Amino acid sequence: THGRAMFTLAHRAMAGYDEADYVLTDGERICSTAIGWNFGDGHMHNEQLIAALQKRCDFEPGEVRVLLLDAQPIHKQRQEYRLV
């Protein structure tokens, strides 16, 4: 379910922006590049990472977006996500 949800939510994240200006990549790649280490833990790319990237790299709001998508529990018919 991650693949379908990620691409659908990516379009939502870029709403109002030109999608051609964006590159879709895995959050672990951005996180490992930013901190210099890859723990293989998707939970390290969150609101704190975006705040740190904006502060250090002078990204404008909306220039880098993060979609946090958790695994869908077997007993729920929906998947939790956050868009930063």
PDB file of N, CA and C in Angstrom:
ATOM      1  N   THR A   1       0.810  -1.205   0.000  1.00  0.00           N
ATOM      2  CA  THR A   1       0.000   0.000   0.000  1.00  0.00           C
ATOM      3  C   THR A   1       0.849   1.262   0.000  1.00  0.00           C
ATOM      4  N   HIS A   2       2.108   1.152   0.390  1.00  0.00           N
ATOM      5  CA  HIS A   2       2.949   2.345   0.452  1.00  0.00           C
ATOM      6  C   HIS A   2       3.092   3.020  -0.908  1.00  0.00           C
ATOM      7  N   GLY A   3       3.344   2.238  -1.951  1.00  0.00           N
ATOM      8  CA  GLY A   3       3.592   2.811  -3.273  1.00  0.00           C
ATOM      9  C   GLY A   3       2.440   3.647  -3.787  1.00  0.00           C
ATOM     10  N   ARG A   4       1.237   3.082  -3.770  1.00  0.00           N
ATOM     11  CA  ARG A   4       0.076   3.835  -4.251  1.00  0.00           C
ATOM     12  C   ARG A   4      -0.147   5.074  -3.407  1.00  0.00           C
ATOM     13  N   ALA A   5      -0.071   4.909  -2.103  1.00  0.00           N
ATOM     14  CA  ALA A   5      -0.320   6.043  -1.207  1.00  0.00           C
ATOM     15  C   ALA A   5       0.739   7.125  -1.381  1.00  0.00           C
ATOM     16  N   MET A   6       1.994   6.725  -1.509  1.00  0.00           N
ATOM     17  CA  MET A   6       3.060   7.720  -1.617  1.00  0.00           C
ATOM     18  C   MET A   6       2.904   8.597  -2.849  1.00  0.00           C
ATOM     19  N   PHE A   7       2.594   7.999  -3.980  1.00  0.00           N
ATOM     20  CA  PHE A   7       2.474   8.809  -5.188  1.00  0.00           C
ATOM     21  C   PHE A   7       1.226   9.682  -5.158  1.00  0.00           C
ATOM     22  N   THR A   8       0.148   9.178  -4.590  1.00  0.00           N
ATOM     23  CA  THR A   8      -1.058   9.994  -4.453  1.00  0.00           C
ATOM     24  C   THR A   8      -0.793  11.174  -3.526  1.00  0.00           C
ATOM     25  N   LEU A   9      -0.151  10.907  -2.398  1.00  0.00           N
ATOM     26  CA  LEU A   9       0.124  11.963  -1.431  1.00  0.00           C
ATOM     27  C   LEU A   9       1.211  12.919  -1.926  1.00  0.00           C
ATOM     28  N   ALA A  10       2.123  12.441  -2.753  1.00  0.00           N
ATOM     29  CA  ALA A  10       3.146  13.330  -3.321  1.00  0.00           C
ATOM     30  C   ALA A  10       2.487  14.415  -4.163  1.00  0.00           C
ATOM     31  N   HIS A  11       1.474  14.043  -4.921  1.00  0.00           N
ATOM     32  CA  HIS A  11       0.751  15.050  -5.711  1.00  0.00           C
ATOM     33  C   HIS A  11       0.060  16.052  -4.794  1.00  0.00           C
ATOM     34  N   ARG A  12      -0.457  15.576  -3.676  1.00  0.00           N
ATOM     35  CA  ARG A  12      -1.095  16.473  -2.708  1.00  0.00           C
ATOM     36  C   ARG A  12      -0.052  17.412  -2.103  1.00  0.00           C
ATOM     37  N   ALA A  13       1.137  16.888  -1.827  1.00  0.00           N
ATOM     38  CA  ALA A  13       2.205  17.697  -1.227  1.00  0.00           C
ATOM     39  C   ALA A  13       2.663  18.807  -2.157  1.00  0.00           C
ATOM     40  N   MET A  14       2.575  18.558  -3.462  1.00  0.00           N
ATOM     41  CA  MET A  14       3.046  19.536  -4.442  1.00  0.00           C
ATOM     42  C   MET A  14       1.916  20.379  -5.020  1.00  0.00           C
ATOM     43  N   ALA A  15       0.749  20.268  -4.447  1.00  0.00           N
ATOM     44  CA  ALA A  15      -0.395  21.035  -4.951  1.00  0.00           C
ATOM     45  C   ALA A  15      -0.069  22.524  -4.926  1.00  0.00           C
ATOM     46  N   GLY A  16      -0.335  23.174  -6.014  1.00  0.00           N
ATOM     47  CA  GLY A  16      -0.059  24.603  -6.113  1.00  0.00           C
ATOM     48  C   GLY A  16       1.350  24.918  -6.579  1.00  0.00           C
ATOM     49  N   TYR A  17       2.175  23.882  -6.723  1.00  0.00           N
ATOM     50  CA  TYR A  17       3.550  24.054  -7.195  1.00  0.00           C
ATOM     51  C   TYR A  17       3.700  23.322  -8.528  1.00  0.00           C
ATOM     52  N   ASP A  18       4.720  23.666  -9.284  1.00  0.00           N
ATOM     53  CA  ASP A  18       5.005  22.969 -10.534  1.00  0.00           C
ATOM     54  C   ASP A  18       5.738  21.672 -10.202  1.00  0.00           C
ATOM     55  N   GLU A  19       5.094  20.538 -10.441  1.00  0.00           N
ATOM     56  CA  GLU A  19       5.685  19.246 -10.091  1.00  0.00           C
ATOM     57  C   GLU A  19       6.993  18.988 -10.828  1.00  0.00           C
ATOM     58  N   ALA A  20       7.198  19.609 -11.972  1.00  0.00           N
ATOM     59  CA  ALA A  20       8.446  19.436 -12.720  1.00  0.00           C
ATOM     60  C   ALA A  20       9.638  20.026 -11.968  1.00  0.00           C
ATOM     61  N   ASP A  21       9.383  20.894 -11.000  1.00  0.00           N
ATOM     62  CA  ASP A  21      10.452  21.501 -10.214  1.00  0.00           C
ATOM     63  C   ASP A  21      10.907  20.612  -9.063  1.00  0.00           C
ATOM     64  N   TYR A  22      10.246  19.486  -8.856  1.00  0.00           N
ATOM     65  CA  TYR A  22      10.541  18.605  -7.728  1.00  0.00           C
ATOM     66  C   TYR A  22      11.165  17.301  -8.190  1.00  0.00           C
ATOM     67  N   VAL A  23      11.940  16.700  -7.298  1.00  0.00           N
ATOM     68  CA  VAL A  23      12.498  15.366  -7.501  1.00  0.00           C
ATOM     69  C   VAL A  23      11.976  14.506  -6.358  1.00  0.00           C
ATOM     70  N   LEU A  24      11.322  13.407  -6.694  1.00  0.00           N
ATOM     71  CA  LEU A  24      10.839  12.494  -5.663  1.00  0.00           C
ATOM     72  C   LEU A  24      11.964  11.557  -5.269  1.00  0.00           C
ATOM     73  N   THR A  25      12.226  11.471  -3.985  1.00  0.00           N
ATOM     74  CA  THR A  25      13.265  10.570  -3.497  1.00  0.00           C
ATOM     75  C   THR A  25      12.865  10.045  -2.132  1.00  0.00           C
ATOM     76  N   ASP A  26      13.497   8.987  -1.729  1.00  0.00           N
ATOM     77  CA  ASP A  26      13.225   8.374  -0.442  1.00  0.00           C
ATOM     78  C   ASP A  26      13.761   9.250   0.680  1.00  0.00           C
ATOM     79  N   GLY A  27      13.010   9.338   1.761  1.00  0.00           N
ATOM     80  CA  GLY A  27      13.412  10.166   2.890  1.00  0.00           C
ATOM     81  C   GLY A  27      14.716   9.736   3.525  1.00  0.00           C
ATOM     82  N   GLU A  28      15.004   8.435   3.506  1.00  0.00           N
ATOM     83  CA  GLU A  28      16.261   7.970   4.087  1.00  0.00           C
ATOM     84  C   GLU A  28      17.455   8.532   3.333  1.00  0.00           C
ATOM     85  N   ARG A  29      17.309   8.720   2.033  1.00  0.00           N
ATOM     86  CA  ARG A  29      18.408   9.293   1.241  1.00  0.00           C
ATOM     87  C   ARG A  29      18.673  10.732   1.682  1.00  0.00           C
ATOM     88  N   ILE A  30      17.626  11.508   1.865  1.00  0.00           N
ATOM     89  CA  ILE A  30      17.800  12.894   2.308  1.00  0.00           C
ATOM     90  C   ILE A  30      18.366  12.926   3.716  1.00  0.00           C
ATOM     91  N   CYS A  31      17.825  12.095   4.588  1.00  0.00           N
ATOM     92  CA  CYS A  31      18.277  12.068   5.976  1.00  0.00           C
ATOM     93  C   CYS A  31      19.743  11.643   6.066  1.00  0.00           C
ATOM     94  N   SER A  32      20.115  10.576   5.366  1.00  0.00           N
ATOM     95  CA  SER A  32      21.499  10.103   5.450  1.00  0.00           C
ATOM     96  C   SER A  32      22.473  11.107   4.843  1.00  0.00           C
ATOM     97  N   THR A  33      22.047  11.816   3.809  1.00  0.00           N
ATOM     98  CA  THR A  33      22.897  12.856   3.226  1.00  0.00           C
ATOM     99  C   THR A  33      23.061  14.014   4.200  1.00  0.00           C
ATOM    100  N   ALA A  34      21.985  14.375   4.875  1.00  0.00           N
ATOM    101  CA  ALA A  34      22.020  15.518   5.791  1.00  0.00           C
ATOM    102  C   ALA A  34      22.824  15.233   7.049  1.00  0.00           C
ATOM    103  N   ILE A  35      22.675  14.024   7.607  1.00  0.00           N
ATOM    104  CA  ILE A  35      23.362  13.746   8.867  1.00  0.00           C
ATOM    105  C   ILE A  35      24.626  12.919   8.685  1.00  0.00           C
ATOM    106  N   GLY A  36      24.842  12.406   7.465  1.00  0.00           N
ATOM    107  CA  GLY A  36      26.065  11.665   7.191  1.00  0.00           C
ATOM    108  C   GLY A  36      26.035  10.226   7.652  1.00  0.00           C
ATOM    109  N   TRP A  37      24.871   9.715   7.974  1.00  0.00           N
ATOM    110  CA  TRP A  37      24.761   8.345   8.470  1.00  0.00           C
ATOM    111  C   TRP A  37      23.391   7.812   8.108  1.00  0.00           C
ATOM    112  N   ASN A  38      23.304   6.532   7.789  1.00  0.00           N
ATOM    113  CA  ASN A  38      22.023   5.924   7.467  1.00  0.00           C
ATOM    114  C   ASN A  38      21.763   4.789   8.438  1.00  0.00           C
ATOM    115  N   PHE A  39      20.777   4.976   9.270  1.00  0.00           N
ATOM    116  CA  PHE A  39      20.408   3.959  10.242  1.00  0.00           C
ATOM    117  C   PHE A  39      19.404   2.963   9.668  1.00  0.00           C
ATOM    118  N   GLY A  40      18.905   3.231   8.472  1.00  0.00           N
ATOM    119  CA  GLY A  40      17.857   2.397   7.918  1.00  0.00           C
ATOM    120  C   GLY A  40      16.556   2.577   8.677  1.00  0.00           C
ATOM    121  N   ASP A  41      16.417   3.718   9.325  1.00  0.00           N
ATOM    122  CA  ASP A  41      15.241   3.991  10.149  1.00  0.00           C
ATOM    123  C   ASP A  41      14.493   5.174   9.572  1.00  0.00           C
ATOM    124  N   GLY A  42      13.360   4.909   8.949  1.00  0.00           N
ATOM    125  CA  GLY A  42      12.579   5.973   8.340  1.00  0.00           C
ATOM    126  C   GLY A  42      12.040   6.990   9.319  1.00  0.00           C
ATOM    127  N   HIS A  43      12.091   6.692  10.610  1.00  0.00           N
ATOM    128  CA  HIS A  43      11.540   7.620  11.591  1.00  0.00           C
ATOM    129  C   HIS A  43      12.472   8.785  11.892  1.00  0.00           C
ATOM    130  N   MET A  44      13.644   8.806  11.283  1.00  0.00           N
ATOM    131  CA  MET A  44      14.535   9.950  11.495  1.00  0.00           C
ATOM    132  C   MET A  44      14.196  11.112  10.578  1.00  0.00           C
ATOM    133  N   HIS A  45      13.441  10.878   9.522  1.00  0.00           N
ATOM    134  CA  HIS A  45      13.054  12.018   8.688  1.00  0.00           C
ATOM    135  C   HIS A  45      11.661  12.456   9.121  1.00  0.00           C
ATOM    136  N   ASN A  46      11.668  13.572   9.832  1.00  0.00           N
ATOM    137  CA  ASN A  46      10.432  14.082  10.429  1.00  0.00           C
ATOM    138  C   ASN A  46      10.479  15.607  10.454  1.00  0.00           C
ATOM    139  N   GLU A  47       9.650  16.196  11.265  1.00  0.00           N
ATOM    140  CA  GLU A  47       9.582  17.656  11.359  1.00  0.00           C
ATOM    141  C   GLU A  47      10.913  18.269  11.773  1.00  0.00           C
ATOM    142  N   GLN A  48      11.662  17.589  12.636  1.00  0.00           N
ATOM    143  CA  GLN A  48      12.960  18.115  13.063  1.00  0.00           C
ATOM    144  C   GLN A  48      13.947  18.167  11.899  1.00  0.00           C
ATOM    145  N   LEU A  49      13.923  17.156  11.054  1.00  0.00           N
ATOM    146  CA  LEU A  49      14.825  17.145   9.903  1.00  0.00           C
ATOM    147  C   LEU A  49      14.506  18.295   8.959  1.00  0.00           C
ATOM    148  N   ILE A  50      13.240  18.518   8.681  1.00  0.00           N
ATOM    149  CA  ILE A  50      12.856  19.615   7.789  1.00  0.00           C
ATOM    150  C   ILE A  50      13.278  20.954   8.383  1.00  0.00           C
ATOM    151  N   ALA A  51      13.054  21.142   9.678  1.00  0.00           N
ATOM    152  CA  ALA A  51      13.452  22.394  10.330  1.00  0.00           C
ATOM    153  C   ALA A  51      14.964  22.592  10.227  1.00  0.00           C
ATOM    154  N   ALA A  52      15.732  21.520  10.435  1.00  0.00           N
ATOM    155  CA  ALA A  52      17.189  21.615  10.350  1.00  0.00           C
ATOM    156  C   ALA A  52      17.640  21.918   8.923  1.00  0.00           C
ATOM    157  N   LEU A  53      17.009  21.271   7.932  1.00  0.00           N
ATOM    158  CA  LEU A  53      17.362  21.538   6.536  1.00  0.00           C
ATOM    159  C   LEU A  53      17.048  22.978   6.152  1.00  0.00           C
ATOM    160  N   GLN A  54      15.888  23.464   6.568  1.00  0.00           N
ATOM    161  CA  GLN A  54      15.522  24.841   6.232  1.00  0.00           C
ATOM    162  C   GLN A  54      16.477  25.832   6.877  1.00  0.00           C
ATOM    163  N   LYS A  55      16.889  25.543   8.102  1.00  0.00           N
ATOM    164  CA  LYS A  55      17.789  26.448   8.814  1.00  0.00           C
ATOM    165  C   LYS A  55      19.187  26.456   8.189  1.00  0.00           C
ATOM    166  N   ARG A  56      19.720  25.280   7.904  1.00  0.00           N
ATOM    167  CA  ARG A  56      21.094  25.182   7.429  1.00  0.00           C
ATOM    168  C   ARG A  56      21.253  25.434   5.932  1.00  0.00           C
ATOM    169  N   CYS A  57      20.237  25.082   5.161  1.00  0.00           N
ATOM    170  CA  CYS A  57      20.347  25.180   3.694  1.00  0.00           C
ATOM    171  C   CYS A  57      19.544  26.336   3.118  1.00  0.00           C
ATOM    172  N   ASP A  58      18.877  27.081   3.974  1.00  0.00           N
ATOM    173  CA  ASP A  58      18.054  28.215   3.552  1.00  0.00           C
ATOM    174  C   ASP A  58      16.971  27.828   2.548  1.00  0.00           C
ATOM    175  N   PHE A  59      16.406  26.627   2.713  1.00  0.00           N
ATOM    176  CA  PHE A  59      15.278  26.237   1.869  1.00  0.00           C
ATOM    177  C   PHE A  59      14.069  27.079   2.234  1.00  0.00           C
ATOM    178  N   GLU A  60      13.318  27.446   1.244  1.00  0.00           N
ATOM    179  CA  GLU A  60      12.070  28.167   1.466  1.00  0.00           C
ATOM    180  C   GLU A  60      10.999  27.163   1.887  1.00  0.00           C
ATOM    181  N   PRO A  61       9.990  27.612   2.640  1.00  0.00           N
ATOM    182  CA  PRO A  61       8.880  26.716   2.972  1.00  0.00           C
ATOM    183  C   PRO A  61       8.262  26.140   1.694  1.00  0.00           C
ATOM    184  N   GLY A  62       8.092  24.834   1.670  1.00  0.00           N
ATOM    185  CA  GLY A  62       7.530  24.160   0.505  1.00  0.00           C
ATOM    186  C   GLY A  62       8.566  23.678  -0.490  1.00  0.00           C
ATOM    187  N   GLU A  63       9.820  24.145  -0.339  1.00  0.00           N
ATOM    188  CA  GLU A  63      10.854  23.737  -1.287  1.00  0.00           C
ATOM    189  C   GLU A  63      11.245  22.270  -1.087  1.00  0.00           C
ATOM    190  N   VAL A  64      11.264  21.822   0.150  1.00  0.00           N
ATOM    191  CA  VAL A  64      11.483  20.413   0.481  1.00  0.00           C
ATOM    192  C   VAL A  64      10.281  19.964   1.290  1.00  0.00           C
ATOM    193  N   ARG A  65       9.659  18.909   0.853  1.00  0.00           N
ATOM    194  CA  ARG A  65       8.484  18.377   1.549  1.00  0.00           C
ATOM    195  C   ARG A  65       8.795  16.958   1.991  1.00  0.00           C
ATOM    196  N   VAL A  66       8.236  16.556   3.122  1.00  0.00           N
ATOM    197  CA  VAL A  66       8.408  15.199   3.624  1.00  0.00           C
ATOM    198  C   VAL A  66       7.038  14.588   3.837  1.00  0.00           C
ATOM    199  N   LEU A  67       6.891  13.389   3.347  1.00  0.00           N
ATOM    200  CA  LEU A  67       5.683  12.612   3.554  1.00  0.00           C
ATOM    201  C   LEU A  67       6.045  11.468   4.484  1.00  0.00           C
ATOM    202  N   LEU A  68       5.455  11.468   5.667  1.00  0.00           N
ATOM    203  CA  LEU A  68       5.688  10.400   6.638  1.00  0.00           C
ATOM    204  C   LEU A  68       4.527   9.428   6.538  1.00  0.00           C
ATOM    205  N   LEU A  69       4.815   8.222   6.127  1.00  0.00           N
ATOM    206  CA  LEU A  69       3.784   7.232   5.863  1.00  0.00           C
ATOM    207  C   LEU A  69       4.100   5.979   6.657  1.00  0.00           C
ATOM    208  N   ASP A  70       3.249   5.664   7.606  1.00  0.00           N
ATOM    209  CA  ASP A  70       3.455   4.479   8.431  1.00  0.00           C
ATOM    210  C   ASP A  70       2.834   3.255   7.781  1.00  0.00           C
ATOM    211  N   ALA A  71       3.289   2.096   8.192  1.00  0.00           N
ATOM    212  CA  ALA A  71       2.726   0.846   7.687  1.00  0.00           C
ATOM    213  C   ALA A  71       1.257   0.745   8.090  1.00  0.00           C
ATOM    214  N   GLN A  72       0.479   0.128   7.246  1.00  0.00           N
ATOM    215  CA  GLN A  72      -0.948  -0.041   7.528  1.00  0.00           C
ATOM    216  C   GLN A  72      -1.131  -1.270   8.405  1.00  0.00           C
ATOM    217  N   PRO A  73      -1.646  -1.089   9.621  1.00  0.00           N
ATOM    218  CA  PRO A  73      -1.903  -2.249  10.474  1.00  0.00           C
ATOM    219  C   PRO A  73      -2.948  -3.158   9.830  1.00  0.00           C
ATOM    220  N   ILE A  74      -2.822  -4.436  10.064  1.00  0.00           N
ATOM    221  CA  ILE A  74      -3.710  -5.400   9.433  1.00  0.00           C
ATOM    222  C   ILE A  74      -5.161  -5.218   9.876  1.00  0.00           C
ATOM    223  N   HIS A  75      -5.370  -4.671  11.071  1.00  0.00           N
ATOM    224  CA  HIS A  75      -6.732  -4.537  11.596  1.00  0.00           C
ATOM    225  C   HIS A  75      -7.384  -3.186  11.267  1.00  0.00           C
ATOM    226  N   LYS A  76      -6.717  -2.344  10.485  1.00  0.00           N
ATOM    227  CA  LYS A  76      -7.284  -1.047  10.104  1.00  0.00           C
ATOM    228  C   LYS A  76      -7.389  -0.948   8.590  1.00  0.00           C
ATOM    229  N   GLN A  77      -8.390  -0.259   8.131  1.00  0.00           N
ATOM    230  CA  GLN A  77      -8.590  -0.085   6.696  1.00  0.00           C
ATOM    231  C   GLN A  77      -8.060   1.257   6.207  1.00  0.00           C
ATOM    232  N   ARG A  78      -7.205   1.874   6.981  1.00  0.00           N
ATOM    233  CA  ARG A  78      -6.613   3.142   6.564  1.00  0.00           C
ATOM    234  C   ARG A  78      -5.149   3.184   6.993  1.00  0.00           C
ATOM    235  N   GLN A  79      -4.421   4.062   6.363  1.00  0.00           N
ATOM    236  CA  GLN A  79      -3.004   4.216   6.627  1.00  0.00           C
ATOM    237  C   GLN A  79      -2.767   5.625   7.160  1.00  0.00           C
ATOM    238  N   GLU A  80      -2.016   5.728   8.224  1.00  0.00           N
ATOM    239  CA  GLU A  80      -1.724   7.025   8.837  1.00  0.00           C
ATOM    240  C   GLU A  80      -0.559   7.688   8.097  1.00  0.00           C
ATOM    241  N   TYR A  81      -0.643   9.005   7.941  1.00  0.00           N
ATOM    242  CA  TYR A  81       0.452   9.745   7.319  1.00  0.00           C
ATOM    243  C   TYR A  81       0.479  11.164   7.857  1.00  0.00           C
ATOM    244  N   ARG A  82       1.644  11.805   7.688  1.00  0.00           N
ATOM    245  CA  ARG A  82       1.798  13.229   7.983  1.00  0.00           C
ATOM    246  C   ARG A  82       2.533  13.849   6.812  1.00  0.00           C
ATOM    247  N   LEU A  83       2.142  15.036   6.477  1.00  0.00           N
ATOM    248  CA  LEU A  83       2.775  15.775   5.394  1.00  0.00           C
ATOM    249  C   LEU A  83       3.427  17.012   5.991  1.00  0.00           C
ATOM    250  N   VAL A  84       4.751  17.098   5.860  1.00  0.00           N
ATOM    251  CA  VAL A  84       5.506  18.205   6.446  1.00  0.00           C
ATOM    252  C   VAL A  84       6.042  19.074   5.330  1.00  0.00           C
TER     253      VAL A  84
END
